[in-house]
Amino acid sequence: MTPAKRGKSNKASASHAPEGATPTERRAAMSWAQRLKRVFHIDIETCKTCGGRVKIIACI
């Protein structure tokens, strides 16, 4: 089992998925921004100044 509780042995994970979600949506991988936030505690989706949502326009 993984920290995100998405492992093969976790039978309860299906109950956390949205009701109308397709099997593909239930197994969707995390975005790179979500991974940065989870692993390095870097939230690149929130503005440090105003707290608003940031739009990512490029990745170099």
N, C-alpha and C. Protein backbone atom coordinates (compact mmCIF):
# COMPACT_ATOMS: atom_id res chain seq x y z
N MET A 1 0.85 -1.18 0.00
CA MET A 1 0.00 0.00 0.00
C MET A 1 0.89 1.24 0.00
N THR A 2 0.46 2.27 -0.68
CA THR A 2 1.22 3.51 -0.78
C THR A 2 0.71 4.52 0.25
N PRO A 3 1.49 5.58 0.52
CA PRO A 3 1.03 6.61 1.45
C PRO A 3 -0.29 7.24 1.02
N ALA A 4 -0.56 7.27 -0.27
CA ALA A 4 -1.81 7.86 -0.76
C ALA A 4 -2.97 6.87 -0.69
N LYS A 5 -2.71 5.70 -0.14
CA LYS A 5 -3.73 4.65 0.02
C LYS A 5 -4.29 4.20 -1.33
N ARG A 6 -3.41 4.17 -2.37
CA ARG A 6 -3.84 3.77 -3.70
C ARG A 6 -3.30 2.39 -4.07
N GLY A 7 -2.75 1.66 -3.12
CA GLY A 7 -2.16 0.36 -3.41
C GLY A 7 -3.20 -0.69 -3.75
N LYS A 8 -2.75 -1.82 -4.28
CA LYS A 8 -3.65 -2.89 -4.69
C LYS A 8 -4.38 -3.51 -3.52
N SER A 9 -3.78 -3.48 -2.33
CA SER A 9 -4.40 -4.13 -1.18
C SER A 9 -5.45 -3.27 -0.48
N ASN A 10 -5.63 -2.05 -0.94
CA ASN A 10 -6.60 -1.15 -0.31
C ASN A 10 -7.96 -1.27 -0.99
N LYS A 11 -8.88 -1.99 -0.37
CA LYS A 11 -10.21 -2.19 -0.94
C LYS A 11 -11.15 -1.03 -0.67
N ALA A 12 -10.86 -0.21 0.34
CA ALA A 12 -11.75 0.90 0.70
C ALA A 12 -11.58 2.11 -0.19
N SER A 13 -10.58 2.12 -1.06
CA SER A 13 -10.32 3.31 -1.87
C SER A 13 -11.45 3.62 -2.85
N ALA A 14 -12.20 2.62 -3.26
CA ALA A 14 -13.30 2.85 -4.19
C ALA A 14 -14.41 3.69 -3.55
N SER A 15 -14.54 3.64 -2.24
CA SER A 15 -15.58 4.41 -1.58
C SER A 15 -15.24 5.90 -1.52
N HIS A 16 -13.97 6.28 -1.70
CA HIS A 16 -13.57 7.68 -1.66
C HIS A 16 -13.69 8.36 -3.01
N ALA A 17 -13.90 7.60 -4.07
CA ALA A 17 -14.00 8.17 -5.41
C ALA A 17 -15.36 8.83 -5.58
N PRO A 18 -15.43 9.87 -6.40
CA PRO A 18 -16.73 10.50 -6.67
C PRO A 18 -17.71 9.48 -7.26
N GLU A 19 -18.97 9.69 -7.00
CA GLU A 19 -19.99 8.72 -7.38
C GLU A 19 -20.03 8.43 -8.87
N GLY A 20 -19.91 9.45 -9.72
CA GLY A 20 -20.01 9.26 -11.16
C GLY A 20 -18.66 9.08 -11.85
N ALA A 21 -17.60 8.84 -11.09
CA ALA A 21 -16.26 8.75 -11.67
C ALA A 21 -16.08 7.47 -12.47
N THR A 22 -15.42 7.60 -13.60
CA THR A 22 -15.10 6.43 -14.41
C THR A 22 -13.88 5.74 -13.80
N PRO A 23 -13.62 4.48 -14.16
CA PRO A 23 -12.43 3.80 -13.64
C PRO A 23 -11.14 4.56 -13.94
N THR A 24 -11.08 5.21 -15.09
CA THR A 24 -9.88 5.98 -15.45
C THR A 24 -9.71 7.17 -14.51
N GLU A 25 -10.80 7.87 -14.21
CA GLU A 25 -10.72 9.02 -13.31
C GLU A 25 -10.33 8.59 -11.90
N ARG A 26 -10.76 7.42 -11.47
CA ARG A 26 -10.42 6.95 -10.13
C ARG A 26 -8.94 6.62 -10.01
N ARG A 27 -8.32 6.22 -11.12
CA ARG A 27 -6.91 5.85 -11.10
C ARG A 27 -6.00 6.96 -11.61
N ALA A 28 -6.49 8.16 -11.76
CA ALA A 28 -5.71 9.27 -12.31
C ALA A 28 -4.48 9.54 -11.44
N ALA A 29 -3.36 9.76 -12.09
CA ALA A 29 -2.12 10.05 -11.39
C ALA A 29 -2.11 11.48 -10.87
N MET A 30 -1.26 11.74 -9.91
CA MET A 30 -1.12 13.08 -9.37
C MET A 30 -0.39 13.95 -10.39
N SER A 31 -0.72 15.23 -10.43
CA SER A 31 0.00 16.16 -11.29
C SER A 31 1.37 16.44 -10.68
N TRP A 32 2.27 17.01 -11.47
CA TRP A 32 3.60 17.31 -10.93
C TRP A 32 3.52 18.36 -9.85
N ALA A 33 2.56 19.27 -9.94
CA ALA A 33 2.40 20.29 -8.90
C ALA A 33 1.94 19.65 -7.59
N GLN A 34 1.06 18.66 -7.68
CA GLN A 34 0.61 17.96 -6.47
C GLN A 34 1.76 17.16 -5.86
N ARG A 35 2.60 16.58 -6.70
CA ARG A 35 3.76 15.82 -6.19
C ARG A 35 4.75 16.74 -5.49
N LEU A 36 5.02 17.94 -6.07
CA LEU A 36 5.92 18.89 -5.41
C LEU A 36 5.39 19.28 -4.03
N LYS A 37 4.09 19.51 -3.95
CA LYS A 37 3.47 19.88 -2.68
C LYS A 37 3.57 18.75 -1.67
N ARG A 38 3.34 17.53 -2.12
CA ARG A 38 3.36 16.37 -1.22
C ARG A 38 4.77 16.03 -0.75
N VAL A 39 5.73 16.02 -1.65
CA VAL A 39 7.08 15.58 -1.31
C VAL A 39 7.92 16.68 -0.67
N PHE A 40 7.91 17.88 -1.26
CA PHE A 40 8.79 18.95 -0.81
C PHE A 40 8.08 20.05 -0.03
N HIS A 41 6.77 19.93 0.15
CA HIS A 41 5.96 20.94 0.84
C HIS A 41 6.08 22.30 0.15
N ILE A 42 6.10 22.27 -1.19
CA ILE A 42 6.14 23.49 -2.00
C ILE A 42 4.79 23.62 -2.68
N ASP A 43 4.06 24.68 -2.36
CA ASP A 43 2.75 24.89 -2.97
C ASP A 43 2.89 25.92 -4.07
N ILE A 44 3.05 25.47 -5.31
CA ILE A 44 3.23 26.39 -6.43
C ILE A 44 1.92 26.84 -7.03
N GLU A 45 0.81 26.36 -6.50
CA GLU A 45 -0.50 26.72 -7.03
C GLU A 45 -1.15 27.87 -6.25
N THR A 46 -0.48 28.37 -5.21
CA THR A 46 -1.02 29.46 -4.39
C THR A 46 -0.01 30.60 -4.34
N CYS A 47 -0.47 31.81 -4.58
CA CYS A 47 0.37 33.00 -4.55
C CYS A 47 0.82 33.28 -3.12
N LYS A 48 2.12 33.51 -2.92
CA LYS A 48 2.65 33.80 -1.59
C LYS A 48 2.22 35.17 -1.09
N THR A 49 1.97 36.09 -2.00
CA THR A 49 1.61 37.46 -1.64
C THR A 49 0.15 37.61 -1.25
N CYS A 50 -0.74 37.19 -2.16
CA CYS A 50 -2.17 37.44 -1.93
C CYS A 50 -2.96 36.18 -1.55
N GLY A 51 -2.36 34.99 -1.72
CA GLY A 51 -3.06 33.77 -1.39
C GLY A 51 -4.00 33.26 -2.48
N GLY A 52 -4.00 33.96 -3.63
CA GLY A 52 -4.86 33.56 -4.74
C GLY A 52 -4.30 32.38 -5.52
N ARG A 53 -5.07 31.88 -6.44
CA ARG A 53 -4.66 30.75 -7.26
C ARG A 53 -3.73 31.22 -8.38
N VAL A 54 -2.65 30.47 -8.60
CA VAL A 54 -1.65 30.80 -9.61
C VAL A 54 -1.87 29.92 -10.83
N LYS A 55 -1.77 30.53 -12.01
CA LYS A 55 -1.88 29.77 -13.26
C LYS A 55 -0.47 29.48 -13.77
N ILE A 56 -0.17 28.21 -13.96
CA ILE A 56 1.14 27.81 -14.46
C ILE A 56 1.14 27.96 -15.98
N ILE A 57 2.08 28.77 -16.50
CA ILE A 57 2.10 29.02 -17.94
C ILE A 57 3.26 28.34 -18.64
N ALA A 58 4.29 27.91 -17.90
CA ALA A 58 5.43 27.25 -18.54
C ALA A 58 6.20 26.42 -17.52
N CYS A 59 6.86 25.40 -18.01
CA CYS A 59 7.73 24.56 -17.19
C CYS A 59 9.04 24.42 -17.94
N ILE A 60 10.09 24.94 -17.38
CA ILE A 60 11.39 24.93 -18.05
C ILE A 60 12.32 23.97 -17.34
